[in-house]
Amino acid sequence: MAKTRLLRHARATGLAASLLVGQSIVGLAAPGSVAGQDSPAQPCIDCHLRQDEPRLLEPAVTFLDDVHGSLGLGCLSCHGRLPGREIAMESGFLSKPSRREVAGLCGSCHSSSDVMSEYNPTLPRDQESEYWTSAHGRRLMENDDQGVATCTDCHAPHNIRSPSDPNSTVHPLNVADTCATCHGDRALMEPRNHSWNEADDFREGVHGVMLYEEGDVSAPTCNDCHGNHGAAPPGLSSIHAVCGQCHGRMDELFRENQHDRYFTEAGLGGCTACHGNHDIPSPTDELLAEAQQDVCRSCHTESDPVGSDFTLMARLLDSLITSTQSAEAALEQAESLGMEVSQAFFDLEEAQTALTLARASVHSFNAETVASDIEDGIQATDTAQSRALRAFGEHRTRRVGLAITAAIIALLVLGLLLRIRDLDRALPPDVGDHA
């Protein structure tokens, strides 16, 4: 109801006139269409702006903000005809394509190199082919499943915006909500043997926190892992290559130590075996012990020395953390005494770098690899500790030197006072009277 009032207000305040001024834009023919086949835009816009039903009114209000409208494409560019289908009416108007026809309609331009080179050369030409190989496209084509997503379910028709536009349905901050339109609908997902809580889980996971709470739009969202038009199903045997798009070092180590093959054979799913998928927790060193109990024990027994590596790796990480904290405390104490230790603090960052590398090296499943990184960090903390001790020694030297200097000055002052007294005593009694 509120939306209806808003649209009526827009029409009443002169939006209709502004849209009619843009009739030459909205009425242009589609790329490659027959000249004159598009009718003037005024009948479309004028009629739709007189409608009370939001479904009919809204397209006329929003289309000029649509990327297609802004490029000069007209109403009949999409509503005029479909590939392989005769015109529906003598006027050449097609009200609404079927769900099977939507991808072909969009693909008639988006798969054309000539059209895309003219309007947006940066866009790929394979979205339609990707769609038909995706889980959505296959279900629609093979099972005639009318409930699966097509282009217009993810991209709002008549109001399609650039992904960089915060109002776009495919802006990073909006992608999860767009996917949840279907994937959060239990009535839609349950009959298809699909879960329906992924969006909520994602928001609670480390990536969702980065995206929504920290505002980091570079954090991955649904399409970064599942793909855009070629949405991949979640049943991959191992997703390390997907995670490796961002976590390259972890992926490299995971593949090098053959655990990718072992995890696949055991049906563990790669990264998700330890980290989960949508509700990925923030990685902590405590996860090593949990992973050993929950994951490693599925293959390694308690007596297996390889199976105890995670416990050893956790201890190695803790040793560097403790050493770093001790070095930082020593440097802070030296700094509070007025000693210059800024360079030492800067050099101690090498220990943090080593800790980061060591945490990544956990994915080698090899304690020796982790120990090598830890050793570099320990050297940095030892150096920082040595500089702190030198600062303490220099501070003590300064204090001793200051005390000695103060004592010498005090003796000199005392000697001067004594000398003055002796001189006063040596003067004749009548010197003051003659003066």
Protein backbone atom coordinates (compact mmCIF):
# COMPACT_ATOMS: atom_id res chain seq x y z
CA MET A 1 0.00 0.00 0.00
CA ALA A 2 2.82 2.40 0.91
CA LYS A 3 4.50 1.59 -2.37
CA THR A 4 1.31 2.40 -4.27
CA ARG A 5 1.03 5.77 -2.55
CA LEU A 6 4.67 6.51 -3.31
CA LEU A 7 4.24 5.78 -7.00
CA ARG A 8 1.05 7.81 -7.19
CA HIS A 9 2.84 10.71 -5.54
CA ALA A 10 5.69 10.46 -8.04
CA ARG A 11 3.18 10.62 -10.88
CA ALA A 12 1.28 13.51 -9.33
CA THR A 13 4.41 15.60 -8.74
CA GLY A 14 5.34 15.70 -12.40
CA LEU A 15 7.39 12.55 -12.86
CA ALA A 16 5.10 11.66 -15.72
CA ALA A 17 6.12 14.77 -17.61
CA SER A 18 9.81 14.09 -17.08
CA LEU A 19 9.40 10.58 -18.34
CA LEU A 20 7.47 11.73 -21.38
CA VAL A 21 10.30 14.09 -22.21
CA GLY A 22 12.47 10.99 -22.35
CA GLN A 23 10.21 9.26 -24.86
CA SER A 24 12.89 9.39 -27.56
CA ILE A 25 15.14 7.37 -25.27
CA VAL A 26 12.64 4.74 -24.19
CA GLY A 27 11.26 4.29 -27.67
CA LEU A 28 14.52 3.55 -29.46
CA ALA A 29 14.76 0.27 -31.29
CA ALA A 30 16.71 -2.65 -29.89
CA PRO A 31 20.18 -3.28 -31.29
CA GLY A 32 19.83 -4.98 -34.64
CA SER A 33 16.03 -4.59 -34.76
CA VAL A 34 14.11 -3.55 -37.86
CA ALA A 35 13.86 0.22 -38.16
CA GLY A 36 10.46 1.51 -37.14
CA GLN A 37 9.36 -1.69 -35.39
CA ASP A 38 9.56 -0.04 -31.96
CA SER A 39 6.53 2.17 -31.45
CA PRO A 40 6.92 5.60 -29.84
CA ALA A 41 7.37 5.45 -26.08
CA GLN A 42 4.61 7.90 -25.23
CA PRO A 43 1.75 5.39 -25.40
CA CYS A 44 3.67 2.96 -23.14
CA ILE A 45 4.75 5.51 -20.57
CA ASP A 46 1.58 7.59 -20.64
CA CYS A 47 -0.69 4.60 -20.21
CA HIS A 48 1.36 2.95 -17.47
CA LEU A 49 1.62 6.18 -15.49
CA ARG A 50 -2.17 6.33 -15.37
CA GLN A 51 -2.45 2.90 -13.76
CA ASP A 52 -3.23 2.46 -10.09
CA GLU A 53 -1.80 -1.04 -9.88
CA PRO A 54 1.89 -0.87 -8.80
CA ARG A 55 2.75 -3.84 -11.04
CA LEU A 56 1.83 -1.73 -14.08
CA LEU A 57 2.86 1.69 -12.78
CA GLU A 58 6.28 0.89 -11.37
CA PRO A 59 8.01 -0.10 -14.66
CA ALA A 60 7.32 3.34 -16.13
CA VAL A 61 8.67 5.07 -13.01
CA THR A 62 11.86 3.05 -12.64
CA PHE A 63 12.91 2.34 -16.21
CA LEU A 64 14.90 5.52 -16.82
CA ASP A 65 17.19 4.50 -13.93
CA ASP A 66 17.54 1.05 -15.47
CA VAL A 67 20.87 0.43 -17.23
CA HIS A 68 19.02 -0.42 -20.43
CA GLY A 69 16.89 2.69 -20.36
CA SER A 70 19.92 4.86 -19.70
CA LEU A 71 21.58 3.36 -22.78
CA GLY A 72 18.64 4.26 -24.98
CA LEU A 73 16.95 0.87 -25.31
CA GLY A 74 13.17 0.94 -25.57
CA CYS A 75 10.16 -0.94 -24.25
CA LEU A 76 9.79 -3.10 -27.34
CA SER A 77 13.45 -4.04 -27.22
CA CYS A 78 12.33 -6.76 -24.85
CA HIS A 79 8.56 -6.79 -25.31
CA GLY A 80 8.58 -6.78 -29.09
CA ARG A 81 9.68 -10.30 -29.96
CA LEU A 82 11.56 -13.35 -28.81
CA PRO A 83 14.08 -15.48 -30.72
CA GLY A 84 12.26 -18.39 -32.35
CA ARG A 85 8.82 -17.09 -31.39
CA GLU A 86 6.37 -15.23 -33.56
CA ILE A 87 5.14 -11.81 -32.55
CA ALA A 88 2.27 -12.22 -30.13
CA MET A 89 0.12 -9.38 -31.41
CA GLU A 90 -0.21 -7.36 -34.59
CA SER A 91 1.35 -4.42 -32.77
CA GLY A 92 4.42 -6.52 -32.06
CA PHE A 93 3.82 -6.48 -28.29
CA LEU A 94 4.70 -9.41 -26.07
CA SER A 95 3.46 -8.99 -22.51
CA LYS A 96 5.61 -11.44 -20.62
CA PRO A 97 8.03 -14.15 -21.80
CA SER A 98 7.77 -17.58 -20.24
CA ARG A 99 10.42 -18.61 -17.72
CA ARG A 100 12.07 -20.83 -20.33
CA GLU A 101 12.26 -17.87 -22.72
CA VAL A 102 13.79 -15.31 -20.35
CA ALA A 103 17.42 -16.44 -20.67
CA GLY A 104 17.13 -16.55 -24.47
CA LEU A 105 15.61 -13.07 -24.54
CA CYS A 106 18.44 -11.61 -22.43
CA GLY A 107 20.96 -13.67 -24.35
CA SER A 108 19.81 -12.27 -27.68
CA CYS A 109 21.83 -9.19 -26.77
CA HIS A 110 24.18 -10.38 -24.05
CA SER A 111 25.52 -13.23 -26.17
CA SER A 112 26.07 -11.01 -29.17
CA SER A 113 29.60 -9.70 -29.60
CA ASP A 114 28.39 -6.99 -31.97
CA VAL A 115 25.78 -5.67 -29.53
CA MET A 116 27.92 -5.89 -26.40
CA SER A 117 30.92 -4.33 -28.13
CA GLU A 118 28.76 -1.31 -28.86
CA TYR A 119 27.07 -0.94 -25.48
CA ASN A 120 29.37 -2.49 -22.87
CA PRO A 121 32.53 -4.21 -24.15
CA THR A 122 33.61 -5.19 -20.62
CA LEU A 123 30.74 -7.61 -20.05
CA PRO A 124 31.31 -11.29 -20.89
CA ARG A 125 29.30 -12.91 -23.67
CA ASP A 126 28.72 -16.28 -22.03
CA GLN A 127 26.14 -15.53 -19.33
CA GLU A 128 23.36 -17.40 -21.13
CA SER A 129 25.46 -20.50 -21.82
CA GLU A 130 26.65 -20.44 -18.20
CA TYR A 131 23.08 -20.24 -17.00
CA TRP A 132 21.97 -23.33 -18.95
CA THR A 133 24.84 -25.35 -17.41
CA SER A 134 24.09 -24.14 -13.89
CA ALA A 135 21.96 -25.94 -11.32
CA HIS A 136 19.18 -23.45 -12.02
CA GLY A 137 19.28 -23.78 -15.79
CA ARG A 138 19.49 -27.58 -15.77
CA ARG A 139 16.49 -27.91 -13.47
CA LEU A 140 14.49 -25.58 -15.67
CA MET A 141 15.48 -27.29 -18.91
CA GLU A 142 15.49 -30.92 -17.78
CA ASN A 143 12.73 -30.90 -15.18
CA ASP A 144 10.68 -27.90 -16.32
CA ASP A 145 10.98 -26.65 -12.74
CA GLN A 146 9.16 -23.32 -12.85
CA GLY A 147 10.38 -22.42 -9.35
CA VAL A 148 14.07 -22.04 -10.17
CA ALA A 149 15.66 -18.65 -10.68
CA THR A 150 16.00 -17.04 -14.09
CA CYS A 151 17.59 -13.72 -15.09
CA THR A 152 14.63 -11.63 -13.91
CA ASP A 153 14.61 -13.20 -10.44
CA CYS A 154 18.08 -11.86 -9.66
CA HIS A 155 18.01 -8.74 -11.82
CA ALA A 156 14.87 -6.70 -11.17
CA PRO A 157 13.23 -6.16 -14.59
CA HIS A 158 12.81 -2.47 -15.51
CA ASN A 159 15.14 -1.50 -12.63
CA ILE A 160 18.42 -3.25 -13.42
CA ARG A 161 21.38 -1.32 -12.04
CA SER A 162 25.13 -1.63 -12.10
CA PRO A 163 26.52 -4.02 -9.44
CA SER A 164 28.41 -1.04 -8.01
CA ASP A 165 25.13 0.78 -7.33
CA PRO A 166 24.10 0.26 -3.66
CA ASN A 167 20.49 -0.02 -4.85
CA SER A 168 21.29 -2.88 -7.22
CA THR A 169 19.97 -6.30 -6.32
CA VAL A 170 23.44 -7.68 -7.07
CA HIS A 171 25.47 -5.13 -5.10
CA PRO A 172 27.73 -7.07 -2.68
CA LEU A 173 25.66 -5.92 0.30
CA ASN A 174 22.44 -7.12 -1.37
CA VAL A 175 23.47 -10.40 -3.01
CA ALA A 176 22.68 -12.60 0.01
CA ASP A 177 19.21 -11.06 0.33
CA THR A 178 18.61 -11.56 -3.39
CA CYS A 179 19.59 -15.23 -3.16
CA ALA A 180 17.57 -15.61 0.03
CA THR A 181 14.44 -14.59 -1.87
CA CYS A 182 14.40 -18.22 -3.00
CA HIS A 183 16.97 -19.94 -0.81
CA GLY A 184 15.44 -18.53 2.37
CA ASP A 185 11.96 -19.70 1.42
CA ARG A 186 11.33 -22.97 3.22
CA ALA A 187 8.17 -23.71 1.23
CA LEU A 188 10.18 -23.40 -1.98
CA MET A 189 13.34 -25.19 -0.86
CA GLU A 190 12.04 -28.07 1.23
CA PRO A 191 10.26 -29.90 -1.62
CA ARG A 192 13.56 -29.71 -3.55
CA ASN A 193 15.52 -31.31 -0.68
CA HIS A 194 17.46 -28.10 -0.17
CA SER A 195 18.23 -26.23 3.04
CA TRP A 196 16.82 -22.73 3.47
CA ASN A 197 18.99 -21.09 6.15
CA GLU A 198 22.18 -20.34 4.20
CA ALA A 199 21.71 -16.56 4.19
CA ASP A 200 21.27 -16.42 7.98
CA ASP A 201 24.26 -18.69 8.49
CA PHE A 202 26.35 -16.56 6.14
CA ARG A 203 25.58 -13.38 8.08
CA GLU A 204 26.84 -15.01 11.28
CA GLY A 205 30.03 -16.33 9.69
CA VAL A 206 33.36 -14.53 9.40
CA HIS A 207 32.69 -13.38 5.83
CA GLY A 208 29.26 -12.02 6.70
CA VAL A 209 30.69 -10.12 9.68
CA MET A 210 33.36 -8.59 7.43
CA LEU A 211 30.74 -7.58 4.87
CA TYR A 212 27.86 -6.32 6.99
CA GLU A 213 29.46 -5.23 10.26
CA GLU A 214 32.84 -4.02 9.04
CA GLY A 215 31.59 -2.75 5.68
CA ASP A 216 34.28 -4.59 3.71
CA VAL A 217 32.63 -5.04 0.29
CA SER A 218 35.65 -7.05 -0.88
CA ALA A 219 34.59 -9.86 1.44
CA PRO A 220 33.12 -12.82 -0.46
CA THR A 221 29.39 -13.26 -0.75
CA CYS A 222 27.23 -15.94 -2.43
CA ASN A 223 28.29 -15.39 -6.04
CA ASP A 224 32.01 -15.26 -5.19
CA CYS A 225 31.91 -18.91 -4.16
CA HIS A 226 29.00 -20.28 -6.20
CA GLY A 227 29.51 -18.24 -9.34
CA ASN A 228 27.16 -15.76 -10.97
CA HIS A 229 25.17 -17.12 -13.89
CA GLY A 230 26.77 -20.56 -13.69
CA ALA A 231 25.75 -21.10 -10.07
CA ALA A 232 27.50 -24.27 -8.94
CA PRO A 233 25.81 -26.79 -6.67
CA PRO A 234 27.22 -27.30 -3.16
CA GLY A 235 28.01 -30.98 -3.73
CA LEU A 236 31.55 -30.59 -5.03
CA SER A 237 33.95 -33.27 -3.78
CA SER A 238 36.44 -30.59 -2.71
CA ILE A 239 36.13 -26.83 -2.80
CA HIS A 240 39.74 -25.92 -2.06
CA ALA A 241 40.08 -24.30 -5.49
CA VAL A 242 37.07 -22.08 -4.74
CA CYS A 243 38.47 -20.98 -1.38
CA GLY A 244 41.91 -20.70 -2.99
CA GLN A 245 40.70 -17.75 -5.07
CA CYS A 246 41.29 -15.66 -1.94
CA HIS A 247 43.27 -18.00 0.29
CA GLY A 248 45.96 -18.90 -2.22
CA ARG A 249 48.72 -19.88 0.21
CA MET A 250 46.43 -22.25 2.11
CA ASP A 251 45.26 -23.82 -1.14
CA GLU A 252 48.82 -24.32 -2.34
CA LEU A 253 49.88 -26.04 0.90
CA PHE A 254 46.73 -28.16 0.97
CA ARG A 255 47.38 -29.50 -2.53
CA GLU A 256 51.11 -30.06 -2.01
CA ASN A 257 50.69 -32.38 0.98
CA GLN A 258 48.22 -34.72 -0.79
CA HIS A 259 45.49 -34.15 1.78
CA ASP A 260 43.26 -32.91 -1.02
CA ARG A 261 43.23 -36.46 -2.38
CA TYR A 262 42.84 -37.99 1.09
CA PHE A 263 39.95 -35.70 1.99
CA THR A 264 38.21 -36.43 -1.32
CA GLU A 265 38.56 -40.20 -0.83
CA ALA A 266 37.18 -39.90 2.70
CA GLY A 267 34.31 -37.68 1.53
CA LEU A 268 35.39 -34.82 3.80
CA GLY A 269 34.90 -32.02 1.25
CA GLY A 270 38.21 -30.21 1.62
CA CYS A 271 38.13 -26.85 3.42
CA THR A 272 34.58 -27.33 4.69
CA ALA A 273 35.64 -30.31 6.79
CA CYS A 274 37.32 -27.98 9.28
CA HIS A 275 35.82 -24.58 8.52
CA GLY A 276 32.22 -25.29 7.53
CA ASN A 277 30.65 -23.54 4.55
CA HIS A 278 28.26 -20.65 5.16
CA ASP A 279 28.60 -20.11 8.92
CA ILE A 280 32.40 -20.10 8.81
CA PRO A 281 33.72 -19.14 12.26
CA SER A 282 36.61 -16.75 12.68
CA PRO A 283 39.71 -18.97 12.58
CA THR A 284 41.43 -19.32 15.94
CA ASP A 285 44.31 -21.42 17.20
CA GLU A 286 41.84 -23.31 19.39
CA LEU A 287 40.31 -24.72 16.20
CA LEU A 288 43.44 -26.85 15.78
CA ALA A 289 42.61 -28.93 18.83
CA GLU A 290 38.95 -29.11 17.81
CA ALA A 291 39.88 -30.18 14.29
CA GLN A 292 42.13 -32.90 15.63
CA GLN A 293 39.25 -34.39 17.59
CA ASP A 294 36.48 -33.84 15.03
CA VAL A 295 38.28 -34.32 11.71
CA CYS A 296 41.71 -35.90 12.11
CA ARG A 297 40.37 -38.78 14.19
CA SER A 298 38.27 -39.91 11.24
CA CYS A 299 41.53 -41.17 9.69
CA HIS A 300 44.23 -40.97 12.37
CA THR A 301 44.19 -42.86 15.65
CA GLU A 302 45.43 -41.31 18.90
CA SER A 303 48.62 -43.37 18.69
CA ASP A 304 49.29 -42.22 15.13
CA PRO A 305 52.17 -39.69 15.32
CA VAL A 306 50.83 -37.86 12.27
CA GLY A 307 47.50 -37.42 13.97
CA SER A 308 49.13 -35.59 16.89
CA ASP A 309 50.71 -32.95 14.65
CA PHE A 310 47.85 -30.53 15.20
CA THR A 311 48.48 -30.55 18.96
CA LEU A 312 52.15 -29.86 18.34
CA MET A 313 51.34 -27.10 15.85
CA ALA A 314 49.02 -25.48 18.40
CA ARG A 315 51.84 -25.50 20.97
CA LEU A 316 54.26 -23.98 18.48
CA LEU A 317 51.84 -21.16 17.70
CA ASP A 318 51.27 -20.56 21.40
CA SER A 319 55.01 -20.35 22.02
CA LEU A 320 55.40 -17.57 19.46
CA ILE A 321 52.35 -15.73 20.79
CA THR A 322 53.72 -15.89 24.34
CA SER A 323 57.19 -14.80 23.23
CA THR A 324 55.74 -11.90 21.25
CA GLN A 325 53.64 -10.73 24.17
CA SER A 326 56.66 -10.88 26.48
CA ALA A 327 58.78 -8.85 24.03
CA GLU A 328 56.03 -6.26 23.60
CA ALA A 329 55.68 -5.90 27.39
CA ALA A 330 59.44 -5.40 27.77
CA LEU A 331 59.54 -2.77 25.04
CA GLU A 332 56.53 -0.97 26.49
CA GLN A 333 58.25 -0.85 29.87
CA ALA A 334 61.41 0.53 28.27
CA GLU A 335 59.33 3.12 26.43
CA SER A 336 57.63 4.17 29.68
CA LEU A 337 61.10 4.86 31.11
CA GLY A 338 61.69 7.33 28.29
CA MET A 339 63.90 5.10 26.18
CA GLU A 340 63.74 5.25 22.37
CA VAL A 341 62.56 1.82 21.19
CA SER A 342 60.33 2.71 18.22
CA GLN A 343 62.59 0.85 15.79
CA ALA A 344 62.47 -2.22 18.01
CA PHE A 345 58.66 -2.12 17.95
CA PHE A 346 58.77 -1.86 14.17
CA ASP A 347 61.13 -4.81 13.87
CA LEU A 348 58.90 -6.87 16.16
CA GLU A 349 56.27 -6.80 13.40
CA GLU A 350 58.35 -9.57 11.80
CA ALA A 351 57.10 -11.82 14.59
CA GLN A 352 53.49 -11.04 13.67
CA THR A 353 54.29 -11.76 10.02
CA ALA A 354 55.85 -15.07 11.02
CA LEU A 355 52.77 -15.92 13.09
CA THR A 356 50.51 -15.22 10.12
CA LEU A 357 52.65 -17.42 7.88
CA ALA A 358 52.73 -20.17 10.51
CA ARG A 359 48.95 -20.14 10.79
CA ALA A 360 48.72 -20.52 7.02
CA SER A 361 51.32 -23.33 7.18
CA VAL A 362 48.94 -25.32 9.35
CA HIS A 363 47.33 -26.31 6.04
CA SER A 364 50.50 -28.24 5.21
CA PHE A 365 49.50 -30.69 7.97
CA ASN A 366 53.20 -30.78 8.81
CA ALA A 367 54.53 -29.57 12.16
CA GLU A 368 58.03 -29.07 10.73
CA THR A 369 56.75 -26.54 8.18
CA VAL A 370 54.99 -24.63 10.95
CA ALA A 371 58.11 -24.83 13.16
CA SER A 372 60.21 -23.23 10.40
CA ASP A 373 57.96 -20.17 10.33
CA ILE A 374 57.79 -20.08 14.12
CA GLU A 375 61.59 -20.08 14.33
CA ASP A 376 61.74 -16.88 12.25
CA GLY A 377 59.28 -15.26 14.61
CA ILE A 378 61.14 -16.39 17.73
CA GLN A 379 64.33 -14.82 16.36
CA ALA A 380 62.46 -11.53 15.97
CA THR A 381 61.13 -11.67 19.53
CA ASP A 382 64.57 -12.58 20.91
CA THR A 383 66.03 -9.57 19.13
CA ALA A 384 63.30 -7.35 20.59
CA GLN A 385 63.95 -8.73 24.06
CA SER A 386 67.67 -8.03 23.66
CA ARG A 387 66.97 -4.43 22.64
CA ALA A 388 64.68 -4.01 25.61
CA LEU A 389 67.40 -5.32 27.94
CA ARG A 390 69.93 -2.95 26.39
CA ALA A 391 67.47 -0.12 26.90
CA PHE A 392 67.11 -1.11 30.57
CA GLY A 393 70.91 -1.20 30.92
CA GLU A 394 71.25 2.19 29.26
CA HIS A 395 68.57 3.57 31.56
CA ARG A 396 70.44 2.26 34.62
CA THR A 397 73.70 3.73 33.30
CA ARG A 398 72.01 7.05 32.82
CA ARG A 399 70.62 6.96 36.33
CA VAL A 400 74.02 6.09 37.82
CA GLY A 401 75.70 8.77 35.73
CA LEU A 402 73.05 11.28 36.80
CA ALA A 403 73.55 10.34 40.46
CA ILE A 404 77.32 10.72 40.18
CA THR A 405 76.97 14.04 38.39
CA ALA A 406 74.54 15.27 41.03
CA ALA A 407 76.91 14.16 43.78
CA ILE A 408 79.85 16.00 42.16
CA ILE A 409 77.78 19.16 41.76
CA ALA A 410 76.66 18.89 45.38
CA LEU A 411 80.29 18.53 46.53
CA LEU A 412 81.33 21.51 44.43
CA VAL A 413 78.55 23.62 45.88
CA LEU A 414 79.43 22.49 49.37
CA GLY A 415 83.10 23.24 48.78
CA LEU A 416 82.24 26.68 47.45
CA LEU A 417 80.12 27.43 50.49
CA LEU A 418 82.88 26.30 52.81
CA ARG A 419 85.38 28.46 50.94
CA ILE A 420 83.14 31.48 51.25
CA ARG A 421 82.79 30.88 54.97
CA ASP A 422 86.57 30.59 55.40
CA LEU A 423 87.09 33.84 53.50
CA ASP A 424 84.58 35.60 55.72
CA ARG A 425 86.42 34.42 58.80
CA ALA A 426 89.82 35.57 57.44
CA LEU A 427 88.75 39.22 57.06
CA PRO A 428 89.92 41.70 59.84
CA PRO A 429 87.17 42.70 62.26
CA ASP A 430 87.35 46.41 61.31
CA VAL A 431 87.10 45.86 57.51
CA GLY A 432 83.46 46.26 57.66
CA ASP A 433 83.71 49.49 59.76
CA HIS A 434 86.15 51.20 57.37
CA ALA A 435 83.94 50.31 54.52
